[in-house]
Amino acid sequence: MLEGGQTREKIAFITRYRNKYRIKTMCEVLEISLSTYYKYRNTVDPDYQDYLIIKKVFNTHKKTLGYRRMTDELRKTYGLIMNHKKVLRIMNKYGEQAKYIKDLKPNYMKKRFEEQAQLNHLKRNFNQAGWVTDITYLTLQRNGKRAYLSTIFDLETRNWISYKISYRNDNELVIDTLMEAIENSKEKDLNGLVLHSDQGFQYLSTEYKVICESNGIIISYSRKGNPLDNAVIESFHSILKKETLYNNHITSLDEYIQLVHEWMFYYNTYRPRLQKK
C-alpha cells in the first residue's frame, strides 16, 4: 500500500495535468485507482479559493508571472498578503507556472524509472520503423558559448520529425521537441511506435513518460555508456556539425543557430538520405 505522501504527490501530478492528458491514462501510468483520484477531487480543497485568485492574475499577465512577482501582484492588486512559499506551493499544485515545472521525482518513481531504463526495445535494429532522439551541444569554438539542439529522427524515412534549439538543456527542451513531433505526425498512428533515447534525465522525467504513454508510444533506452545503441541520431548530429560549424567561418552563436535552421531545412528537402545499415 502506498504511503499518504506518495499518494498526494501522484494526485498533485494528475491535478496539474488534468486539462492536458486523459485522467484515466495518468492514473494507469502512476498506478493509482480512478476511485482514489475522484475521492480526492471531491474533497473540499482549502487552497481552492486562493487558487482562483492566483489563476485570474496569472491569466491577466499572459501566464508570465513567477511566484515572487505573483506574490507582489496579489498584494498590489487585491491587497492580499500571502506568504511567497504558499503562493509557490499553490502554483505548483495547480500547474500555474510560466515554464514547465520541474518533474516530480519521489523515490518510488525514481525506482520505476531506473527499472524502465533497462528496456532497450530498439536493440540497434535501425531498419525498423521508429523514432530516435538525442540532445547535442552547439558550441562556438572561439568563445565557448553554446546552445542545445534536441532532435527526433524517423528511422523509416530518414528525415527529422521535429527539432528545437534552446540556450538551456532542460526538460522543457525535450518536451517541446516531443510535442512538436506528435503534432507533426497527427495523421499517423503512433500506437506501438518505439521512441529511443539515452538515459538522460530529461528522458526519465514523469512528464515525458506520461506524454509518450498517452499517445501509445513505447519508450526505449540505450544502455549506459553505449552511444552505439543510438548510432543513427549520433551520426545525424555529427554530419550537421561537420556541414555547419566546421564548414563555415562563424563569428557568433546566433549565426551558428541560423545556419543550423537552414541546414535542417536543406536536409529534409534536398540532401541525400543517410543509408540504412
C-alpha atoms as a PDB file:
ATOM      1  CA  MET A   1       0.000   0.000   0.000  1.00  0.00           C
ATOM      2  CA  LEU A   2       1.283   3.466  -0.829  1.00  0.00           C
ATOM      3  CA  GLU A   3       2.115   5.920   1.897  1.00  0.00           C
ATOM      4  CA  GLY A   4      -0.063   9.024   2.163  1.00  0.00           C
ATOM      5  CA  GLY A   5       2.652  11.378   0.966  1.00  0.00           C
ATOM      6  CA  GLN A   6       3.287   9.335  -2.164  1.00  0.00           C
ATOM      7  CA  THR A   7      -0.418   9.248  -2.997  1.00  0.00           C
ATOM      8  CA  ARG A   8      -0.668  13.025  -2.582  1.00  0.00           C
ATOM      9  CA  GLU A   9       2.273  13.551  -4.936  1.00  0.00           C
ATOM     10  CA  LYS A  10       0.637  11.374  -7.582  1.00  0.00           C
ATOM     11  CA  ILE A  11      -2.700  13.151  -7.224  1.00  0.00           C
ATOM     12  CA  ALA A  12      -0.940  16.523  -7.402  1.00  0.00           C
ATOM     13  CA  PHE A  13       0.599  15.486 -10.723  1.00  0.00           C
ATOM     14  CA  ILE A  14      -2.766  14.365 -12.130  1.00  0.00           C
ATOM     15  CA  THR A  15      -4.425  17.565 -10.917  1.00  0.00           C
ATOM     16  CA  ARG A  16      -1.722  19.635 -12.574  1.00  0.00           C
ATOM     17  CA  TYR A  17      -2.125  17.979 -15.986  1.00  0.00           C
ATOM     18  CA  ARG A  18      -5.825  17.081 -15.906  1.00  0.00           C
ATOM     19  CA  ASN A  19      -6.608  19.507 -18.747  1.00  0.00           C
ATOM     20  CA  LYS A  20      -3.716  18.251 -20.878  1.00  0.00           C
ATOM     21  CA  TYR A  21      -3.827  14.453 -20.645  1.00  0.00           C
ATOM     22  CA  ARG A  22      -6.509  11.845 -20.017  1.00  0.00           C
ATOM     23  CA  ILE A  23      -7.046  11.293 -16.296  1.00  0.00           C
ATOM     24  CA  LYS A  24      -7.501   7.551 -16.843  1.00  0.00           C
ATOM     25  CA  THR A  25      -4.155   7.277 -18.647  1.00  0.00           C
ATOM     26  CA  MET A  26      -2.297   9.201 -15.939  1.00  0.00           C
ATOM     27  CA  CYS A  27      -3.874   7.040 -13.231  1.00  0.00           C
ATOM     28  CA  GLU A  28      -2.703   3.915 -15.052  1.00  0.00           C
ATOM     29  CA  VAL A  29       0.810   5.285 -15.580  1.00  0.00           C
ATOM     30  CA  LEU A  30       1.138   6.382 -11.958  1.00  0.00           C
ATOM     31  CA  GLU A  31      -0.572   3.234 -10.637  1.00  0.00           C
ATOM     32  CA  ILE A  32      -3.374   4.918  -8.741  1.00  0.00           C
ATOM     33  CA  SER A  33      -7.041   3.965  -8.968  1.00  0.00           C
ATOM     34  CA  LEU A  34      -9.617   6.268 -10.521  1.00  0.00           C
ATOM     35  CA  SER A  35     -11.729   5.993  -7.381  1.00  0.00           C
ATOM     36  CA  THR A  36      -8.851   7.304  -5.248  1.00  0.00           C
ATOM     37  CA  TYR A  37      -8.355  10.262  -7.569  1.00  0.00           C
ATOM     38  CA  TYR A  38     -12.047  11.176  -7.701  1.00  0.00           C
ATOM     39  CA  LYS A  39     -12.388  10.762  -3.949  1.00  0.00           C
ATOM     40  CA  TYR A  40      -9.647  13.350  -3.522  1.00  0.00           C
ATOM     41  CA  ARG A  41     -11.119  15.622  -6.194  1.00  0.00           C
ATOM     42  CA  ASN A  42     -14.484  15.675  -4.437  1.00  0.00           C
ATOM     43  CA  THR A  43     -12.866  16.571  -1.121  1.00  0.00           C
ATOM     44  CA  VAL A  44     -13.002  20.238  -0.144  1.00  0.00           C
ATOM     45  CA  ASP A  45      -9.670  21.835  -1.082  1.00  0.00           C
ATOM     46  CA  PRO A  46      -8.632  24.587   1.350  1.00  0.00           C
ATOM     47  CA  ASP A  47      -6.419  26.175  -1.332  1.00  0.00           C
ATOM     48  CA  TYR A  48      -9.101  26.430  -3.986  1.00  0.00           C
ATOM     49  CA  GLN A  49     -10.321  29.985  -3.376  1.00  0.00           C
ATOM     50  CA  ASP A  50      -6.749  31.314  -3.249  1.00  0.00           C
ATOM     51  CA  TYR A  51      -6.028  29.368  -6.425  1.00  0.00           C
ATOM     52  CA  LEU A  52      -8.913  31.062  -8.272  1.00  0.00           C
ATOM     53  CA  ILE A  53      -7.438  34.485  -7.482  1.00  0.00           C
ATOM     54  CA  ILE A  54      -3.927  33.381  -8.464  1.00  0.00           C
ATOM     55  CA  LYS A  55      -5.259  31.904 -11.703  1.00  0.00           C
ATOM     56  CA  LYS A  56      -7.034  35.169 -12.567  1.00  0.00           C
ATOM     57  CA  VAL A  57      -3.870  37.223 -12.010  1.00  0.00           C
ATOM     58  CA  PHE A  58      -1.772  34.638 -13.864  1.00  0.00           C
ATOM     59  CA  ASN A  59      -4.022  34.788 -16.936  1.00  0.00           C
ATOM     60  CA  THR A  60      -4.214  38.597 -16.818  1.00  0.00           C
ATOM     61  CA  HIS A  61      -0.438  38.743 -17.105  1.00  0.00           C
ATOM     62  CA  LYS A  62      -0.321  36.280 -20.043  1.00  0.00           C
ATOM     63  CA  LYS A  63       0.943  33.451 -17.822  1.00  0.00           C
ATOM     64  CA  THR A  64       4.335  35.101 -17.334  1.00  0.00           C
ATOM     65  CA  LEU A  65       4.484  35.633 -13.560  1.00  0.00           C
ATOM     66  CA  GLY A  66       6.719  33.603 -11.310  1.00  0.00           C
ATOM     67  CA  TYR A  67       5.747  33.109  -7.687  1.00  0.00           C
ATOM     68  CA  ARG A  68       7.620  36.166  -6.356  1.00  0.00           C
ATOM     69  CA  ARG A  69       6.051  38.554  -8.856  1.00  0.00           C
ATOM     70  CA  MET A  70       2.727  36.839  -8.250  1.00  0.00           C
ATOM     71  CA  THR A  71       3.058  37.456  -4.507  1.00  0.00           C
ATOM     72  CA  ASP A  72       3.767  41.130  -5.171  1.00  0.00           C
ATOM     73  CA  GLU A  73       0.870  41.450  -7.628  1.00  0.00           C
ATOM     74  CA  LEU A  74      -1.588  39.865  -5.192  1.00  0.00           C
ATOM     75  CA  ARG A  75      -0.621  42.473  -2.616  1.00  0.00           C
ATOM     76  CA  LYS A  76      -0.807  45.411  -5.037  1.00  0.00           C
ATOM     77  CA  THR A  77      -3.981  44.464  -6.898  1.00  0.00           C
ATOM     78  CA  TYR A  78      -6.045  42.665  -4.267  1.00  0.00           C
ATOM     79  CA  GLY A  79      -4.474  43.785  -1.020  1.00  0.00           C
ATOM     80  CA  LEU A  80      -3.959  40.089  -0.369  1.00  0.00           C
ATOM     81  CA  ILE A  81      -0.971  39.365   1.845  1.00  0.00           C
ATOM     82  CA  MET A  82       0.155  35.815   1.198  1.00  0.00           C
ATOM     83  CA  ASN A  83       3.460  34.190   2.061  1.00  0.00           C
ATOM     84  CA  HIS A  84       5.533  33.619  -1.078  1.00  0.00           C
ATOM     85  CA  LYS A  85       6.079  29.987  -0.092  1.00  0.00           C
ATOM     86  CA  LYS A  86       2.326  29.433  -0.036  1.00  0.00           C
ATOM     87  CA  VAL A  87       1.976  31.104  -3.442  1.00  0.00           C
ATOM     88  CA  LEU A  88       4.687  28.827  -4.828  1.00  0.00           C
ATOM     89  CA  ARG A  89       3.027  25.752  -3.342  1.00  0.00           C
ATOM     90  CA  ILE A  90      -0.386  26.601  -4.829  1.00  0.00           C
ATOM     91  CA  MET A  91       1.075  27.459  -8.241  1.00  0.00           C
ATOM     92  CA  ASN A  92       2.938  24.148  -8.242  1.00  0.00           C
ATOM     93  CA  LYS A  93      -0.142  22.266  -7.101  1.00  0.00           C
ATOM     94  CA  TYR A  94      -2.321  23.571  -9.926  1.00  0.00           C
ATOM     95  CA  GLY A  95       0.375  23.869 -12.586  1.00  0.00           C
ATOM     96  CA  GLU A  96       0.125  27.652 -12.950  1.00  0.00           C
ATOM     97  CA  GLN A  97       3.735  28.278 -13.901  1.00  0.00           C
ATOM     98  CA  ALA A  98       5.458  30.357 -16.526  1.00  0.00           C
ATOM     99  CA  LYS A  99       7.658  27.440 -17.589  1.00  0.00           C
ATOM    100  CA  TYR A 100       7.406  23.688 -17.383  1.00  0.00           C
ATOM    101  CA  ILE A 101       7.589  22.508 -13.837  1.00  0.00           C
ATOM    102  CA  LYS A 102      10.480  20.510 -12.506  1.00  0.00           C
ATOM    103  CA  ASP A 103       9.408  16.916 -12.583  1.00  0.00           C
ATOM    104  CA  LEU A 104       8.231  15.074  -9.548  1.00  0.00           C
ATOM    105  CA  LYS A 105      10.947  12.601  -8.644  1.00  0.00           C
ATOM    106  CA  PRO A 106       9.999  10.870  -5.397  1.00  0.00           C
ATOM    107  CA  ASN A 107      11.837   7.674  -4.578  1.00  0.00           C
ATOM    108  CA  TYR A 108       9.048   5.378  -5.717  1.00  0.00           C
ATOM    109  CA  MET A 109       9.043   6.951  -9.187  1.00  0.00           C
ATOM    110  CA  LYS A 110      12.849   7.010  -9.363  1.00  0.00           C
ATOM    111  CA  LYS A 111      12.964   3.258  -8.816  1.00  0.00           C
ATOM    112  CA  ARG A 112      10.397   2.652 -11.562  1.00  0.00           C
ATOM    113  CA  PHE A 113      12.326   4.838 -13.998  1.00  0.00           C
ATOM    114  CA  GLU A 114      15.575   3.023 -13.252  1.00  0.00           C
ATOM    115  CA  GLU A 115      13.859  -0.291 -13.944  1.00  0.00           C
ATOM    116  CA  GLN A 116      12.261   1.022 -17.127  1.00  0.00           C
ATOM    117  CA  ALA A 117      15.577   2.452 -18.341  1.00  0.00           C
ATOM    118  CA  GLN A 118      16.861  -1.112 -18.671  1.00  0.00           C
ATOM    119  CA  LEU A 119      14.454  -1.687 -21.571  1.00  0.00           C
ATOM    120  CA  ASN A 120      16.113  -1.358 -24.979  1.00  0.00           C
ATOM    121  CA  HIS A 121      13.381  -2.130 -27.498  1.00  0.00           C
ATOM    122  CA  LEU A 122      15.427  -0.886 -30.458  1.00  0.00           C
ATOM    123  CA  LYS A 123      18.405  -3.237 -29.929  1.00  0.00           C
ATOM    124  CA  ARG A 124      20.422  -1.493 -32.663  1.00  0.00           C
ATOM    125  CA  ASN A 125      17.924  -2.555 -35.328  1.00  0.00           C
ATOM    126  CA  PHE A 126      17.926   0.753 -37.192  1.00  0.00           C
ATOM    127  CA  ASN A 127      15.969  -0.602 -40.169  1.00  0.00           C
ATOM    128  CA  GLN A 128      12.702  -0.874 -38.278  1.00  0.00           C
ATOM    129  CA  ALA A 129      10.020   1.803 -38.062  1.00  0.00           C
ATOM    130  CA  GLY A 130      10.643   4.022 -35.068  1.00  0.00           C
ATOM    131  CA  TRP A 131      11.988   7.321 -33.793  1.00  0.00           C
ATOM    132  CA  VAL A 132      15.319   8.106 -32.183  1.00  0.00           C
ATOM    133  CA  THR A 133      16.095  11.240 -30.232  1.00  0.00           C
ATOM    134  CA  ASP A 134      19.037  12.981 -28.604  1.00  0.00           C
ATOM    135  CA  ILE A 135      20.409  16.350 -27.497  1.00  0.00           C
ATOM    136  CA  THR A 136      23.685  17.725 -28.820  1.00  0.00           C
ATOM    137  CA  TYR A 137      25.742  20.807 -27.976  1.00  0.00           C
ATOM    138  CA  LEU A 138      26.056  23.651 -30.450  1.00  0.00           C
ATOM    139  CA  THR A 139      29.298  25.127 -29.151  1.00  0.00           C
ATOM    140  CA  LEU A 140      31.063  28.114 -30.691  1.00  0.00           C
ATOM    141  CA  GLN A 141      34.742  27.228 -30.501  1.00  0.00           C
ATOM    142  CA  ARG A 142      36.094  30.765 -30.411  1.00  0.00           C
ATOM    143  CA  ASN A 143      34.432  31.710 -27.108  1.00  0.00           C
ATOM    144  CA  GLY A 144      32.818  28.546 -25.759  1.00  0.00           C
ATOM    145  CA  LYS A 145      29.259  29.891 -25.981  1.00  0.00           C
ATOM    146  CA  ARG A 146      26.741  27.157 -26.566  1.00  0.00           C
ATOM    147  CA  ALA A 147      23.153  26.265 -27.282  1.00  0.00           C
ATOM    148  CA  TYR A 148      21.450  22.878 -27.285  1.00  0.00           C
ATOM    149  CA  LEU A 149      19.770  21.074 -30.178  1.00  0.00           C
ATOM    150  CA  SER A 150      17.132  18.433 -29.481  1.00  0.00           C
ATOM    151  CA  THR A 151      16.071  16.304 -32.460  1.00  0.00           C
ATOM    152  CA  ILE A 152      13.612  13.487 -33.104  1.00  0.00           C
ATOM    153  CA  PHE A 153      14.577  11.457 -36.179  1.00  0.00           C
ATOM    154  CA  ASP A 154      12.465   8.955 -38.138  1.00  0.00           C
ATOM    155  CA  LEU A 155      14.289   5.694 -38.876  1.00  0.00           C
ATOM    156  CA  GLU A 156      11.879   4.775 -41.665  1.00  0.00           C
ATOM    157  CA  THR A 157      12.014   7.981 -43.743  1.00  0.00           C
ATOM    158  CA  ARG A 158      15.489   9.065 -42.602  1.00  0.00           C
ATOM    159  CA  ASN A 159      14.065  12.554 -42.023  1.00  0.00           C
ATOM    160  CA  TRP A 160      13.927  14.527 -38.805  1.00  0.00           C
ATOM    161  CA  ILE A 161      10.397  14.811 -37.415  1.00  0.00           C
ATOM    162  CA  SER A 162      10.992  17.764 -35.117  1.00  0.00           C
ATOM    163  CA  TYR A 163      13.798  19.762 -33.580  1.00  0.00           C
ATOM    164  CA  LYS A 164      14.184  22.538 -31.048  1.00  0.00           C
ATOM    165  CA  ILE A 165      17.108  24.791 -30.120  1.00  0.00           C
ATOM    166  CA  SER A 166      17.462  26.306 -26.661  1.00  0.00           C
ATOM    167  CA  TYR A 167      20.060  28.049 -24.540  1.00  0.00           C
ATOM    168  CA  ARG A 168      19.108  25.691 -21.710  1.00  0.00           C
ATOM    169  CA  ASN A 169      19.481  21.926 -21.566  1.00  0.00           C
ATOM    170  CA  ASP A 170      16.350  21.171 -19.576  1.00  0.00           C
ATOM    171  CA  ASN A 171      13.132  19.161 -19.550  1.00  0.00           C
ATOM    172  CA  GLU A 172      11.270  21.861 -21.450  1.00  0.00           C
ATOM    173  CA  LEU A 173      13.573  21.441 -24.450  1.00  0.00           C
ATOM    174  CA  VAL A 174      12.810  17.721 -24.715  1.00  0.00           C
ATOM    175  CA  ILE A 175       9.084  18.090 -24.033  1.00  0.00           C
ATOM    176  CA  ASP A 176       8.739  20.812 -26.685  1.00  0.00           C
ATOM    177  CA  THR A 177      10.516  18.577 -29.216  1.00  0.00           C
ATOM    178  CA  LEU A 178       8.292  15.623 -28.343  1.00  0.00           C
ATOM    179  CA  MET A 179       5.064  17.629 -28.501  1.00  0.00           C
ATOM    180  CA  GLU A 180       6.019  19.062 -31.895  1.00  0.00           C
ATOM    181  CA  ALA A 181       6.842  15.582 -33.226  1.00  0.00           C
ATOM    182  CA  ILE A 182       3.434  14.324 -32.122  1.00  0.00           C
ATOM    183  CA  GLU A 183       1.732  17.352 -33.680  1.00  0.00           C
ATOM    184  CA  ASN A 184       3.658  16.896 -36.940  1.00  0.00           C
ATOM    185  CA  SER A 185       2.587  13.240 -37.015  1.00  0.00           C
ATOM    186  CA  LYS A 186      -1.091  13.678 -36.125  1.00  0.00           C
ATOM    187  CA  GLU A 187      -2.131  11.882 -39.329  1.00  0.00           C
ATOM    188  CA  LYS A 188      -0.029   8.866 -38.318  1.00  0.00           C
ATOM    189  CA  ASP A 189      -0.994   6.123 -35.881  1.00  0.00           C
ATOM    190  CA  LEU A 190       1.658   6.359 -33.167  1.00  0.00           C
ATOM    191  CA  ASN A 191       0.352   3.414 -31.173  1.00  0.00           C
ATOM    192  CA  GLY A 192       3.220   0.957 -30.702  1.00  0.00           C
ATOM    193  CA  LEU A 193       5.859   3.293 -32.130  1.00  0.00           C
ATOM    194  CA  VAL A 194       9.269   2.926 -30.448  1.00  0.00           C
ATOM    195  CA  LEU A 195      10.970   6.157 -29.326  1.00  0.00           C
ATOM    196  CA  HIS A 196      14.600   5.508 -28.396  1.00  0.00           C
ATOM    197  CA  SER A 197      16.943   7.751 -26.404  1.00  0.00           C
ATOM    198  CA  ASP A 198      19.812   7.618 -23.975  1.00  0.00           C
ATOM    199  CA  GLN A 199      19.189   7.718 -20.221  1.00  0.00           C
ATOM    200  CA  GLY A 200      19.473  11.491 -19.860  1.00  0.00           C
ATOM    201  CA  PHE A 201      17.423  12.947 -17.008  1.00  0.00           C
ATOM    202  CA  GLN A 202      15.039  14.630 -19.449  1.00  0.00           C
ATOM    203  CA  TYR A 203      14.025  11.273 -20.912  1.00  0.00           C
ATOM    204  CA  LEU A 204      13.411   9.789 -17.462  1.00  0.00           C
ATOM    205  CA  SER A 205      11.014  12.529 -16.387  1.00  0.00           C
ATOM    206  CA  THR A 206       7.434  11.909 -15.348  1.00  0.00           C
ATOM    207  CA  GLU A 207       6.057  14.283 -17.963  1.00  0.00           C
ATOM    208  CA  TYR A 208       7.991  12.616 -20.798  1.00  0.00           C
ATOM    209  CA  LYS A 209       6.666   9.223 -19.720  1.00  0.00           C
ATOM    210  CA  VAL A 210       3.055  10.401 -19.433  1.00  0.00           C
ATOM    211  CA  ILE A 211       3.090  12.104 -22.849  1.00  0.00           C
ATOM    212  CA  CYS A 212       4.550   9.023 -24.538  1.00  0.00           C
ATOM    213  CA  GLU A 213       2.158   6.577 -22.921  1.00  0.00           C
ATOM    214  CA  SER A 214      -0.818   8.880 -23.568  1.00  0.00           C
ATOM    215  CA  ASN A 215      -0.009   8.594 -27.278  1.00  0.00           C
ATOM    216  CA  GLY A 216       0.759   4.869 -27.308  1.00  0.00           C
ATOM    217  CA  ILE A 217       4.497   5.450 -27.799  1.00  0.00           C
ATOM    218  CA  ILE A 218       6.839   2.764 -26.444  1.00  0.00           C
ATOM    219  CA  ILE A 219       9.834   4.225 -24.612  1.00  0.00           C
ATOM    220  CA  SER A 220      13.231   2.624 -25.283  1.00  0.00           C
ATOM    221  CA  TYR A 221      16.618   3.415 -23.736  1.00  0.00           C
ATOM    222  CA  SER A 222      20.252   2.867 -24.646  1.00  0.00           C
ATOM    223  CA  ARG A 223      22.405   1.076 -22.148  1.00  0.00           C
ATOM    224  CA  LYS A 224      24.545   3.390 -20.067  1.00  0.00           C
ATOM    225  CA  GLY A 225      27.823   4.215 -21.783  1.00  0.00           C
ATOM    226  CA  ASN A 226      26.736   2.717 -25.123  1.00  0.00           C
ATOM    227  CA  PRO A 227      26.367   5.527 -27.694  1.00  0.00           C
ATOM    228  CA  LEU A 228      26.260   2.911 -30.481  1.00  0.00           C
ATOM    229  CA  ASP A 229      22.791   1.960 -29.209  1.00  0.00           C
ATOM    230  CA  ASN A 230      21.655   5.291 -30.666  1.00  0.00           C
ATOM    231  CA  ALA A 231      24.118   5.452 -33.561  1.00  0.00           C
ATOM    232  CA  VAL A 232      21.777   6.930 -36.193  1.00  0.00           C
ATOM    233  CA  ILE A 233      20.952  10.124 -34.308  1.00  0.00           C
ATOM    234  CA  GLU A 234      24.577  10.417 -33.168  1.00  0.00           C
ATOM    235  CA  SER A 235      25.655  10.228 -36.827  1.00  0.00           C
ATOM    236  CA  PHE A 236      22.991  12.723 -37.878  1.00  0.00           C
ATOM    237  CA  HIS A 237      24.183  15.317 -35.359  1.00  0.00           C
ATOM    238  CA  SER A 238      27.809  14.664 -36.334  1.00  0.00           C
ATOM    239  CA  ILE A 239      27.051  15.363 -40.011  1.00  0.00           C
ATOM    240  CA  LEU A 240      25.166  18.511 -39.064  1.00  0.00           C
ATOM    241  CA  LYS A 241      28.182  19.880 -37.202  1.00  0.00           C
ATOM    242  CA  LYS A 242      30.597  18.995 -39.997  1.00  0.00           C
ATOM    243  CA  GLU A 243      28.478  20.773 -42.587  1.00  0.00           C
ATOM    244  CA  THR A 244      27.688  23.855 -40.489  1.00  0.00           C
ATOM    245  CA  LEU A 245      30.224  24.629 -37.765  1.00  0.00           C
ATOM    246  CA  TYR A 246      33.278  23.040 -39.398  1.00  0.00           C
ATOM    247  CA  ASN A 247      32.459  24.194 -42.920  1.00  0.00           C
ATOM    248  CA  ASN A 248      31.925  27.907 -42.265  1.00  0.00           C
ATOM    249  CA  HIS A 249      33.638  30.858 -40.621  1.00  0.00           C
ATOM    250  CA  ILE A 250      31.147  31.518 -37.843  1.00  0.00           C
ATOM    251  CA  THR A 251      31.559  34.615 -35.685  1.00  0.00           C
ATOM    252  CA  SER A 252      28.595  34.387 -33.299  1.00  0.00           C
ATOM    253  CA  LEU A 253      26.314  31.838 -31.678  1.00  0.00           C
ATOM    254  CA  ASP A 254      23.268  33.440 -33.310  1.00  0.00           C
ATOM    255  CA  GLU A 255      24.900  32.963 -36.713  1.00  0.00           C
ATOM    256  CA  TYR A 256      25.592  29.323 -35.877  1.00  0.00           C
ATOM    257  CA  ILE A 257      21.970  28.754 -34.836  1.00  0.00           C
ATOM    258  CA  GLN A 258      20.720  30.345 -38.049  1.00  0.00           C
ATOM    259  CA  LEU A 259      22.984  28.035 -40.070  1.00  0.00           C
ATOM    260  CA  VAL A 260      21.537  25.054 -38.223  1.00  0.00           C
ATOM    261  CA  HIS A 261      17.980  26.140 -39.090  1.00  0.00           C
ATOM    262  CA  GLU A 262      18.971  26.476 -42.748  1.00  0.00           C
ATOM    263  CA  TRP A 263      20.764  23.128 -42.744  1.00  0.00           C
ATOM    264  CA  MET A 264      17.801  21.321 -41.177  1.00  0.00           C
ATOM    265  CA  PHE A 265      15.544  22.630 -43.934  1.00  0.00           C
ATOM    266  CA  TYR A 266      18.134  21.626 -46.533  1.00  0.00           C
ATOM    267  CA  TYR A 267      18.494  18.141 -45.067  1.00  0.00           C
ATOM    268  CA  ASN A 268      14.816  17.199 -45.221  1.00  0.00           C
ATOM    269  CA  THR A 269      14.291  18.916 -48.584  1.00  0.00           C
ATOM    270  CA  TYR A 270      17.374  18.298 -50.712  1.00  0.00           C
ATOM    271  CA  ARG A 271      20.177  16.359 -49.045  1.00  0.00           C
ATOM    272  CA  PRO A 272      20.590  12.637 -49.894  1.00  0.00           C
ATOM    273  CA  ARG A 273      19.384  10.482 -47.003  1.00  0.00           C
ATOM    274  CA  LEU A 274      21.586   8.512 -44.678  1.00  0.00           C
ATOM    275  CA  GLN A 275      21.851   4.974 -45.989  1.00  0.00           C
ATOM    276  CA  LYS A 276      20.264   2.298 -43.849  1.00  0.00           C
ATOM    277  CA  LYS A 277      22.675  -0.238 -42.466  1.00  0.00           C
END
